[in-house]
Structure formats: structure tokens, C-alpha cells
Amino acid sequence: MRGCKTPRLGSQQGSVLVVTLLIMFAVSVIGATLAVLSSMDLRISGNQRVTTQALDVAEAGLNEAIHRISLLYPTNVTIGGWTGNAAIGDPPPLDPNWETRVYLTGPGSAPSGGGSIVTTGTIQNPNQTYLQYSRASGTGDLLTVRHKWEDRNGDGTKDANEVVRYDPDQVPPENFASGYPVEIVTITGRMGQAERVIQAEVTKRKLTARTMGALFIDKAISITGDPGICGYNHNINAPNGTKPNACIAWHESKGHLPGIATTGDDIDIHGGAADVEGNPTPTDSSSANPFYTLAELLGFSQDDLNEMLASADNTSIVNPLNGVTYITGDAGINSNTVGAGLLYCTGDLSMNGTFDYKGLIYVEGDVMITGTCWVLGAVVVKGTTDYNTSAGNAAILYSADAISENLSKFMPIVVLSWREP
């Protein structure tokens, strides 16, 4: 009987070696694949990071543009030894071909413009590395601001009446007659080899004060002397000192109010020298008239108003009285003073000298005018006691544009749209 053959050890060792080699090969392939995937993930992550950073840089450029559009024109600042206008804007009459180019240089070192092209440098800190949202030269990849335009007559030529404006009181708000121009801001943000281009449409917010008359008061008023108070809506260019009826030449076609309005209290006009005009009536003492706080009158939240007042340009009577003036307590104007903007007084306000003002005057206390006062805009008085407000020989001409133009300067920019073209 033959015995069983025992497998040879060498044959078993060969099989084990083959299996081991296969396993090691598989592990090597897996390891190499994981290494490749890991490397790809790192590259993708790195690309995503710099791409995101490029977008952040572009948004920083948009913020500079918005800040400079919001500045009063002109606004002089000093940057790195240079002093000049940092505001970006196209003062009326609007140039449909206007364009501002912001270079990555100091404001005084930007390449020259010409014609409708305005050039300036960035207002970034010159002691730090500039964020790359423009170029130092050339015409490509620059931060630019230009008017939005529509070719209404199809001739391919930009006309002044084809600049798109934005007025929230109109339907639709984009129109060609009223409101502030819509500005198109284009920025290319760069980080390393990554680029992100964004384009935003922005405009200044138009402010419409909800006054009920040229002189709007929450108490009864007695008019004596020879004031001229006109509620017809006047053009913002009405000359200083213009009084009724000489103001007729400056009447707008719409937007009129009474000359004097109260919330139901009496309006007594004594003497033939007083001239009160308005439409649909010279005076309105309807009890249906609401009285607004300053925030409500401006269409603000109280927090927004507080923020604006906290950074007021003036906290006492100065000459010129421009910007936002916020006076806590009583105030008196006793000498020749001119101004424009918002004058808000929490106490009584007396005007004993010559005072020319364009904008809105809002007084929580009483107003006493014994000097020569001329206001183009509106005067709103909360008052403390009936008949304590006097108009003296004032001239108050209602002007919606004088209020809007002189207060909208301090309003934030509205971003209408934002996209990556």
C-alpha cells in the first residue's frame, strides 16, 4: 500500500509569497490612491480658499466705492501726505458718460483721466499692502463707477435724459426724472491666481419728510407781523431771501402742501401784512393730521435716528450750520448765520438774527422768530403751549427737494443688486 504524499514545503512557501506580494501591491495602490486623493483635496481646498479670499477682496473694493459715493461732494481728506477730494460723484447736471476709475495708487498719483473719465487713487492705508481690487495702471480690471444707462431712443448715444434714476416714491422706482442716479460699480478681486468679478447697482437713498405743511405745528398758533409762509413746492434753486409772491416763479408742478398745518389746533392770522399761501388750502387745522416724531417724519427707526444724531456735525449753533445739527436743550441764533441740512433742537429755538437755511428744522419746544429768517424746506414744531410759536417776519418756503437733497447726503447707500457677471 502506497503512503500519502506530503506537500512540499517549498510549494507552500511560494504560494504565501505570491499572496503577500498581491497584498502588498494592493496596499501600495490604495496608499498611492489615497495620497493622490489627499493631494487633490488639498489643492481643491487651497483653490477654494483663495477663490473665496478673492471674493472677499472684491467686496472690500465695493465697500470703498460705497463709502466714497456716500460722502458729501466734495469731501477733502488727507491720505499719506496728500489732501484732496475723496468723494466719488457726478454733481448735477449729470454727465451720462461719466465714469470714475479707482487705481491702486495714492489718490494724488493716479494716471490722468480726461473728458468724462475721472481718475483717483485708493483711500486704503498707504502704510499697508493694498488689497488687490484694482490695478495701478492701464484700463483693465479697474474698480469703476458709472451711471446706469438705457438707450431710450435707440441711437446708441448716451443722453442726459437716459441716465437711470431711483425714486422709491415712483412706480416703478427706476425712472428717468426723479431720484438719485443708479451707479454701477464693477470690481475685480484678486488673490494669487484667483479672480472674482462682482458688479453692484447702488444709489443714494432719497429721503421724503412727511411734513403736513411748510410750517407744521402740534399746537395752536397766532400769526402777526409780516411773515411769508408758502406751502407750494419750490425748486431747490430758489434764491435766498425769496418771499411770497415773488416765489411763484420757483413753484414746481406738483407736491404742494398748505402753508401752515396743525393737528386740530387753531391757526389765527392777524394783520394784513402776513402772507400765507398753499395748496389745496393756505392753512390746514384738521384734527385728522397726525404729528410725527422726528424718526417717523424721516421714515427712520429710532435706532437709525439715534445713530445719526450720535455722529452729528454740530451740537451748538455755528456758522455755517451745515450737516446734521443736534442741540439738546434751548438754542438761540443771534447773528448772521447760514446753513443746510437738519437742525434738531430738543428745547426752544429762538431766531433773533439773520438766518438762511435749506433743509429741515425740527423743534421739540417752541420757536420764536424775531429776526429775519428764511427757510427753504420746512419747519416742524412740537411746541409746549398754544400760541407760543411766533413767525415774526420769517419767510418759510416748502421745498421737498431742499429737504431731500440736504438730508439724503447723510443717508446710507442702498445696494439694489449684486451679482457675479
Protein backbone atom coordinates (compact mmCIF):
# COMPACT_ATOMS: atom_id res chain seq x y z
CA MET A 1 0.00 0.00 0.00
CA ARG A 2 1.32 3.28 -1.07
CA GLY A 3 1.57 6.08 1.57
CA CYS A 4 0.16 9.68 1.11
CA LYS A 5 2.49 12.25 -0.30
CA THR A 6 3.28 15.15 1.98
CA PRO A 7 3.15 18.60 0.19
CA ARG A 8 6.46 20.05 -0.27
CA LEU A 9 7.36 23.00 1.92
CA GLY A 10 8.80 24.92 -0.97
CA SER A 11 5.46 24.84 -2.83
CA GLN A 12 3.63 26.28 0.22
CA GLN A 13 6.21 28.99 0.65
CA GLY A 14 5.76 30.04 -2.99
CA SER A 15 2.00 30.43 -2.55
CA VAL A 16 2.45 32.52 0.59
CA LEU A 17 4.92 34.74 -1.20
CA VAL A 18 2.53 35.34 -4.09
CA VAL A 19 -0.32 36.22 -1.74
CA THR A 20 1.94 38.50 0.27
CA LEU A 21 3.09 40.27 -2.86
CA LEU A 22 -0.50 40.72 -4.02
CA ILE A 23 -1.50 42.17 -0.65
CA MET A 24 1.49 44.50 -0.63
CA PHE A 25 0.66 45.61 -4.19
CA ALA A 26 -2.97 46.27 -3.24
CA VAL A 27 -1.89 48.22 -0.16
CA SER A 28 0.55 50.23 -2.29
CA VAL A 29 -2.16 51.00 -4.84
CA ILE A 30 -4.58 52.03 -2.10
CA GLY A 31 -1.92 54.13 -0.43
CA ALA A 32 -0.94 55.81 -3.66
CA THR A 33 -4.59 56.45 -4.49
CA LEU A 34 -5.19 57.93 -1.05
CA ALA A 35 -2.11 60.09 -1.44
CA VAL A 36 -3.30 61.33 -4.83
CA LEU A 37 -6.80 61.98 -3.47
CA SER A 38 -5.38 63.74 -0.46
CA SER A 39 -3.19 65.90 -2.66
CA MET A 40 -6.15 66.70 -4.89
CA ASP A 41 -8.28 67.56 -1.84
CA LEU A 42 -5.54 69.88 -0.60
CA ARG A 43 -5.29 71.57 -3.97
CA ILE A 44 -9.07 71.87 -4.23
CA SER A 45 -9.27 73.20 -0.69
CA GLY A 46 -6.46 75.65 -1.44
CA ASN A 47 -8.14 76.80 -4.64
CA GLN A 48 -11.45 77.21 -2.85
CA ARG A 49 -9.74 79.20 -0.13
CA VAL A 50 -8.02 81.67 -2.46
CA THR A 51 -11.15 81.90 -4.61
CA THR A 52 -13.17 82.79 -1.52
CA GLN A 53 -10.47 85.26 -0.49
CA ALA A 54 -10.60 86.85 -3.95
CA LEU A 55 -14.34 87.40 -3.47
CA ASP A 56 -13.65 88.95 -0.06
CA VAL A 57 -11.15 91.29 -1.71
CA ALA A 58 -13.72 92.28 -4.35
CA GLU A 59 -16.27 93.01 -1.62
CA ALA A 60 -13.69 95.20 0.12
CA GLY A 61 -13.42 97.18 -3.11
CA LEU A 62 -17.19 97.52 -3.23
CA ASN A 63 -17.14 98.84 0.33
CA GLU A 64 -14.60 101.52 -0.61
CA ALA A 65 -16.75 102.56 -3.57
CA ILE A 66 -19.93 102.69 -1.46
CA HIS A 67 -18.19 104.72 1.24
CA ARG A 68 -16.87 107.25 -1.25
CA ILE A 69 -20.19 107.55 -3.10
CA SER A 70 -21.88 108.27 0.24
CA LEU A 71 -19.53 111.18 1.06
CA LEU A 72 -20.67 114.75 0.55
CA TYR A 73 -19.28 116.10 -2.70
CA PRO A 74 -16.62 117.35 -2.28
CA THR A 75 -15.11 115.91 0.93
CA ASN A 76 -11.45 116.72 1.46
CA VAL A 77 -9.30 114.23 3.37
CA THR A 78 -5.59 113.75 3.96
CA ILE A 79 -4.02 110.41 2.99
CA GLY A 80 -0.27 109.78 3.06
CA GLY A 81 0.55 113.46 2.79
CA TRP A 82 -1.98 114.11 0.02
CA THR A 83 -5.03 116.29 0.69
CA GLY A 84 -7.93 116.33 -1.72
CA ASN A 85 -11.46 115.23 -2.55
CA ALA A 86 -12.16 111.60 -1.65
CA ALA A 87 -15.83 111.66 -2.69
CA ILE A 88 -16.97 109.87 -5.82
CA GLY A 89 -19.84 111.58 -7.55
CA ASP A 90 -21.14 113.40 -10.59
CA PRO A 91 -22.70 116.69 -9.40
CA PRO A 92 -25.71 117.91 -11.42
CA PRO A 93 -26.21 118.33 -14.30
CA LEU A 94 -25.47 114.65 -14.79
CA ASP A 95 -23.00 113.59 -17.46
CA PRO A 96 -24.31 110.33 -18.99
CA ASN A 97 -20.74 109.36 -19.98
CA TRP A 98 -19.29 109.99 -16.51
CA GLU A 99 -17.05 107.27 -15.13
CA THR A 100 -14.69 107.22 -12.15
CA ARG A 101 -11.70 104.86 -12.16
CA VAL A 102 -10.02 104.00 -8.88
CA TYR A 103 -6.37 102.95 -9.21
CA LEU A 104 -4.20 101.09 -6.70
CA THR A 105 -2.06 104.16 -6.11
CA GLY A 106 -2.20 107.06 -3.71
CA PRO A 107 -5.02 109.44 -4.66
CA GLY A 108 -2.53 112.00 -5.93
CA SER A 109 -0.58 109.51 -8.05
CA ALA A 110 -3.32 108.02 -10.20
CA PRO A 111 -2.94 108.12 -14.02
CA SER A 112 -4.63 111.12 -15.60
CA GLY A 113 -8.19 110.98 -16.85
CA GLY A 114 -9.86 113.25 -19.36
CA GLY A 115 -13.24 114.32 -20.60
CA SER A 116 -15.91 112.34 -18.75
CA ILE A 117 -13.32 110.00 -17.20
CA VAL A 118 -12.39 110.90 -13.62
CA THR A 119 -9.40 109.14 -12.05
CA THR A 120 -8.38 108.79 -8.44
CA GLY A 121 -6.35 106.50 -6.22
CA THR A 122 -7.48 104.19 -3.47
CA ILE A 123 -8.01 105.50 0.05
CA GLN A 124 -6.55 102.33 1.56
CA ASN A 125 -3.89 102.84 4.22
CA PRO A 126 -0.68 103.58 2.25
CA ASN A 127 1.39 102.05 5.07
CA GLN A 128 -0.11 98.62 4.49
CA THR A 129 -0.16 96.29 1.49
CA TYR A 130 -3.05 97.22 -0.78
CA LEU A 131 -5.87 94.75 -1.26
CA GLN A 132 -5.86 93.83 -4.93
CA TYR A 133 -9.24 95.06 -6.16
CA SER A 134 -7.91 97.28 -8.92
CA ARG A 135 -4.69 97.96 -10.86
CA ALA A 136 -2.00 100.60 -10.56
CA SER A 137 -2.17 101.42 -14.26
CA GLY A 138 -3.91 100.58 -17.50
CA THR A 139 -7.63 100.33 -18.16
CA GLY A 140 -8.41 96.66 -17.42
CA ASP A 141 -9.60 95.13 -14.15
CA LEU A 142 -10.06 98.57 -12.56
CA LEU A 143 -12.57 99.48 -9.89
CA THR A 144 -15.02 101.63 -11.86
CA VAL A 145 -18.18 103.56 -11.07
CA ARG A 146 -20.51 104.73 -13.83
CA HIS A 147 -24.12 105.73 -14.33
CA LYS A 148 -26.66 103.12 -15.33
CA TRP A 149 -27.95 103.99 -18.77
CA GLU A 150 -30.71 102.85 -21.09
CA ASP A 151 -30.79 103.72 -24.76
CA ARG A 152 -34.35 105.06 -24.81
CA ASN A 153 -34.30 106.35 -28.39
CA GLY A 154 -32.13 103.57 -29.85
CA ASP A 155 -29.48 105.88 -31.29
CA GLY A 156 -26.58 104.35 -29.35
CA THR A 157 -25.67 107.76 -27.89
CA LYS A 158 -25.84 108.42 -24.17
CA ASP A 159 -28.13 111.37 -23.48
CA ALA A 160 -28.68 113.09 -20.11
CA ASN A 161 -32.34 112.00 -20.02
CA GLU A 162 -31.26 108.35 -20.40
CA VAL A 163 -29.48 108.12 -17.04
CA VAL A 164 -31.47 105.73 -14.85
CA ARG A 165 -32.58 107.18 -11.51
CA TYR A 166 -34.11 105.54 -8.45
CA ASP A 167 -37.02 107.06 -6.56
CA PRO A 168 -38.89 104.78 -4.11
CA ASP A 169 -41.91 107.09 -4.37
CA GLN A 170 -42.33 106.26 -8.07
CA VAL A 171 -43.81 103.13 -9.67
CA PRO A 172 -41.61 101.60 -10.91
CA PRO A 173 -38.88 103.16 -8.77
CA GLU A 174 -36.36 103.15 -11.64
CA ASN A 175 -37.19 106.11 -13.84
CA PHE A 176 -35.53 108.94 -15.77
CA ALA A 177 -36.89 112.03 -13.99
CA SER A 178 -36.60 111.87 -10.20
CA GLY A 179 -34.39 110.43 -7.53
CA TYR A 180 -30.66 109.79 -7.43
CA PRO A 181 -28.79 108.15 -10.32
CA VAL A 182 -28.19 104.41 -10.17
CA GLU A 183 -24.44 103.78 -10.14
CA ILE A 184 -22.90 100.57 -11.50
CA VAL A 185 -19.80 99.53 -9.55
CA THR A 186 -17.53 96.90 -11.11
CA ILE A 187 -14.67 95.30 -9.17
CA THR A 188 -12.19 92.51 -9.87
CA GLY A 189 -10.81 91.00 -6.68
CA ARG A 190 -7.57 89.02 -6.93
CA MET A 191 -5.80 86.64 -4.56
CA GLY A 192 -2.84 84.80 -6.05
CA GLN A 193 -4.03 83.40 -9.38
CA ALA A 194 -7.69 83.53 -8.38
CA GLU A 195 -10.01 86.30 -9.62
CA ARG A 196 -13.61 87.12 -8.76
CA VAL A 197 -15.55 89.86 -10.53
CA ILE A 198 -18.60 91.44 -8.93
CA GLN A 199 -20.93 94.13 -10.21
CA ALA A 200 -23.35 96.00 -7.99
CA GLU A 201 -26.00 98.63 -8.65
CA VAL A 202 -26.17 101.19 -5.86
CA THR A 203 -27.85 104.53 -5.24
CA LYS A 204 -28.29 107.10 -2.55
CA ARG A 205 -31.46 106.76 -0.53
CA LYS A 206 -33.93 109.53 -1.25
CA LEU A 207 -35.47 110.97 1.88
CA THR A 208 -39.02 112.30 1.87
CA ALA A 209 -40.04 114.16 5.03
CA ARG A 210 -43.68 113.61 5.96
CA THR A 211 -44.45 117.16 6.98
CA MET A 212 -48.02 118.40 6.57
CA GLY A 213 -47.09 121.99 5.72
CA ALA A 214 -44.27 124.48 5.24
CA LEU A 215 -44.79 125.25 8.93
CA PHE A 216 -46.21 122.22 10.74
CA ILE A 217 -47.02 122.60 14.43
CA ASP A 218 -48.72 120.44 17.04
CA LYS A 219 -50.17 123.44 18.90
CA ALA A 220 -52.36 126.44 18.13
CA ILE A 221 -50.55 129.37 16.51
CA SER A 222 -51.24 133.06 16.11
CA ILE A 223 -49.57 134.79 13.16
CA THR A 224 -48.82 138.50 13.43
CA GLY A 225 -46.29 140.76 11.80
CA ASP A 226 -45.32 140.25 8.16
CA PRO A 227 -44.17 136.67 7.66
CA GLY A 228 -44.44 134.96 4.29
CA ILE A 229 -45.20 131.24 4.52
CA CYS A 230 -45.78 129.31 1.32
CA GLY A 231 -46.67 125.62 1.08
CA TYR A 232 -46.30 125.39 -2.68
CA ASN A 233 -43.47 123.03 -3.54
CA HIS A 234 -40.46 125.15 -4.54
CA ASN A 235 -37.48 124.37 -6.72
CA ILE A 236 -34.28 123.86 -4.73
CA ASN A 237 -32.64 126.70 -6.67
CA ALA A 238 -35.00 129.39 -5.36
CA PRO A 239 -32.73 132.34 -4.45
CA ASN A 240 -32.08 133.09 -0.79
CA GLY A 241 -34.49 135.66 0.57
CA THR A 242 -37.26 134.93 -1.95
CA LYS A 243 -40.68 135.57 -0.40
CA PRO A 244 -44.29 135.10 -1.46
CA ASN A 245 -45.45 136.14 -4.03
CA ALA A 246 -42.07 136.53 -5.71
CA CYS A 247 -41.61 132.78 -5.18
CA ILE A 248 -44.21 131.87 -7.81
CA ALA A 249 -41.50 131.63 -10.45
CA TRP A 250 -39.95 128.79 -8.42
CA HIS A 251 -43.10 126.73 -7.89
CA GLU A 252 -42.89 123.11 -9.00
CA SER A 253 -45.77 121.43 -10.85
CA LYS A 254 -46.72 119.08 -8.01
CA GLY A 255 -46.11 118.12 -4.39
CA HIS A 256 -47.78 121.14 -2.81
CA LEU A 257 -48.86 121.48 0.83
CA PRO A 258 -50.66 124.06 2.99
CA GLY A 259 -48.53 126.93 4.22
CA ILE A 260 -49.39 126.25 7.86
CA ALA A 261 -50.78 122.99 9.25
CA THR A 262 -51.70 121.87 12.77
CA THR A 263 -53.16 118.71 14.24
CA GLY A 264 -56.53 120.30 15.01
CA ASP A 265 -55.49 123.44 16.86
CA ASP A 266 -56.37 126.98 15.79
CA ILE A 267 -54.47 128.99 13.21
CA ASP A 268 -55.12 132.70 13.76
CA ILE A 269 -53.71 135.15 11.23
CA HIS A 270 -53.83 138.78 12.37
CA GLY A 271 -52.94 141.82 10.32
CA GLY A 272 -52.81 142.30 6.59
CA ALA A 273 -49.05 142.02 6.26
CA ALA A 274 -48.89 138.25 6.86
CA ASP A 275 -48.93 136.24 3.64
CA VAL A 276 -49.78 132.54 3.92
CA GLU A 277 -50.09 130.53 0.70
CA GLY A 278 -50.54 126.86 -0.06
CA ASN A 279 -52.38 124.19 -1.95
CA PRO A 280 -55.04 122.81 -1.66
CA THR A 281 -55.53 125.40 1.11
CA PRO A 282 -53.25 128.03 2.68
CA THR A 283 -53.93 126.59 6.16
CA ASP A 284 -54.99 123.18 7.44
CA SER A 285 -56.08 122.62 11.04
CA SER A 286 -57.72 119.23 10.56
CA SER A 287 -57.73 117.01 13.64
CA ALA A 288 -57.00 114.11 11.29
CA ASN A 289 -53.48 115.41 10.70
CA PRO A 290 -51.02 113.15 12.52
CA PHE A 291 -47.98 114.60 14.25
CA TYR A 292 -44.78 112.64 13.73
CA THR A 293 -41.72 112.21 15.84
CA LEU A 294 -38.52 113.13 14.03
CA ALA A 295 -37.81 109.45 13.35
CA GLU A 296 -41.31 108.91 11.95
CA LEU A 297 -41.12 112.09 9.89
CA LEU A 298 -37.89 110.92 8.25
CA GLY A 299 -39.02 107.31 7.86
CA PHE A 300 -36.28 106.09 10.22
CA SER A 301 -36.28 103.60 13.02
CA GLN A 302 -35.44 105.23 16.34
CA ASP A 303 -32.16 103.29 16.39
CA ASP A 304 -31.21 104.67 12.96
CA LEU A 305 -32.03 108.19 14.12
CA ASN A 306 -30.02 107.77 17.30
CA GLU A 307 -27.05 106.58 15.27
CA MET A 308 -27.24 109.61 13.01
CA LEU A 309 -27.58 112.04 15.91
CA ALA A 310 -24.69 110.39 17.74
CA SER A 311 -22.39 111.46 14.90
CA ALA A 312 -23.94 114.91 14.42
CA ASP A 313 -21.76 117.51 12.71
CA ASN A 314 -22.75 120.24 15.17
CA THR A 315 -24.02 120.27 18.75
CA SER A 316 -24.29 124.07 19.03
CA ILE A 317 -25.06 126.99 16.75
CA VAL A 318 -22.10 127.71 14.46
CA ASN A 319 -21.70 129.47 11.14
CA PRO A 320 -22.07 127.89 8.65
CA LEU A 321 -24.58 125.49 10.19
CA ASN A 322 -24.15 122.65 7.70
CA GLY A 323 -24.86 118.95 8.10
CA VAL A 324 -26.72 117.36 10.99
CA THR A 325 -27.10 119.75 13.93
CA TYR A 326 -28.31 118.19 17.18
CA ILE A 327 -28.88 120.52 20.12
CA THR A 328 -30.11 119.24 23.46
CA GLY A 329 -31.97 121.95 25.33
CA ASP A 330 -32.64 125.51 24.18
CA ALA A 331 -30.75 127.31 21.44
CA GLY A 332 -30.60 130.82 20.05
CA ILE A 333 -29.43 132.19 16.71
CA ASN A 334 -28.31 135.73 17.42
CA SER A 335 -26.10 136.68 14.49
CA ASN A 336 -25.87 136.27 10.73
CA THR A 337 -25.93 132.52 10.07
CA VAL A 338 -26.36 130.33 7.03
CA GLY A 339 -26.71 126.57 6.82
CA ALA A 340 -28.17 123.48 5.19
CA GLY A 341 -29.16 120.03 6.41
CA LEU A 342 -31.07 119.03 9.54
CA LEU A 343 -31.41 121.27 12.60
CA TYR A 344 -32.90 119.32 15.53
CA CYS A 345 -33.44 121.11 18.84
CA THR A 346 -34.92 119.33 21.86
CA GLY A 347 -35.78 122.60 23.65
CA ASP A 348 -36.93 126.04 22.48
CA LEU A 349 -35.34 127.69 19.46
CA SER A 350 -35.17 131.46 19.09
CA MET A 351 -34.06 133.17 15.89
CA ASN A 352 -33.05 136.74 16.63
CA GLY A 353 -30.69 137.43 13.78
CA THR A 354 -30.49 136.91 10.05
CA PHE A 355 -30.71 133.18 9.33
CA ASP A 356 -30.82 131.50 5.89
CA TYR A 357 -31.33 127.74 5.95
CA LYS A 358 -32.05 124.99 3.41
CA GLY A 359 -33.42 121.72 4.75
CA LEU A 360 -35.48 120.68 7.75
CA ILE A 361 -35.79 122.38 11.13
CA TYR A 362 -37.43 120.21 13.80
CA VAL A 363 -38.01 121.64 17.28
CA GLU A 364 -39.44 119.79 20.28
CA GLY A 365 -40.14 123.04 22.15
CA ASP A 366 -41.38 126.40 20.89
CA VAL A 367 -40.00 128.51 18.06
CA MET A 368 -39.77 132.30 18.38
CA ILE A 369 -38.65 134.29 15.34
CA THR A 370 -37.92 137.94 15.89
CA GLY A 371 -35.14 138.33 13.34
CA THR A 372 -35.01 137.86 9.60
CA CYS A 373 -35.28 134.13 8.94
CA TRP A 374 -35.50 132.48 5.54
CA VAL A 375 -36.05 128.71 5.27
CA LEU A 376 -36.28 126.69 2.07
CA GLY A 377 -37.60 123.30 3.18
CA ALA A 378 -39.87 123.03 6.21
CA VAL A 379 -40.13 123.91 9.89
CA VAL A 380 -41.77 121.37 12.22
CA VAL A 381 -42.61 122.34 15.80
CA LYS A 382 -43.89 120.06 18.54
CA GLY A 383 -44.43 123.01 20.87
CA THR A 384 -45.19 123.13 24.57
CA THR A 385 -48.04 125.63 24.82
CA ASP A 386 -50.63 127.05 22.43
CA TYR A 387 -49.69 130.33 20.73
CA ASN A 388 -46.10 130.18 21.97
CA THR A 389 -44.68 129.82 18.45
CA SER A 390 -44.27 133.07 16.52
CA ALA A 391 -43.17 133.62 12.93
CA GLY A 392 -42.06 137.26 13.14
CA ASN A 393 -41.04 138.41 9.66
CA ALA A 394 -39.85 135.00 8.56
CA ALA A 395 -40.10 133.56 5.08
CA ILE A 396 -40.67 129.81 5.02
CA LEU A 397 -40.97 128.19 1.60
CA TYR A 398 -41.74 124.50 1.39
CA SER A 399 -39.35 122.53 -0.82
CA ALA A 400 -39.36 118.75 -0.96
CA ASP A 401 -36.10 118.76 -2.94
CA ALA A 402 -34.34 121.09 -0.49
CA ILE A 403 -35.15 118.64 2.30
CA SER A 404 -34.30 115.57 0.27
CA GLU A 405 -31.06 116.91 -1.21
CA ASN A 406 -29.72 118.29 2.05
CA LEU A 407 -30.68 115.31 4.20
CA SER A 408 -30.17 112.47 1.74
CA LYS A 409 -26.49 113.40 1.77
CA PHE A 410 -26.37 111.75 5.17
CA MET A 411 -28.36 108.67 4.20
CA PRO A 412 -26.75 105.26 3.68
CA ILE A 413 -26.19 103.89 0.20
CA VAL A 414 -28.78 101.37 -0.98
CA VAL A 415 -27.48 98.27 -2.79
CA LEU A 416 -30.13 97.49 -5.40
CA SER A 417 -28.47 94.41 -6.89
CA TRP A 418 -25.28 92.37 -6.58
CA ARG A 419 -24.04 89.73 -8.98
CA GLU A 420 -21.02 87.99 -10.43
CA PRO A 421 -21.21 88.63 -14.20
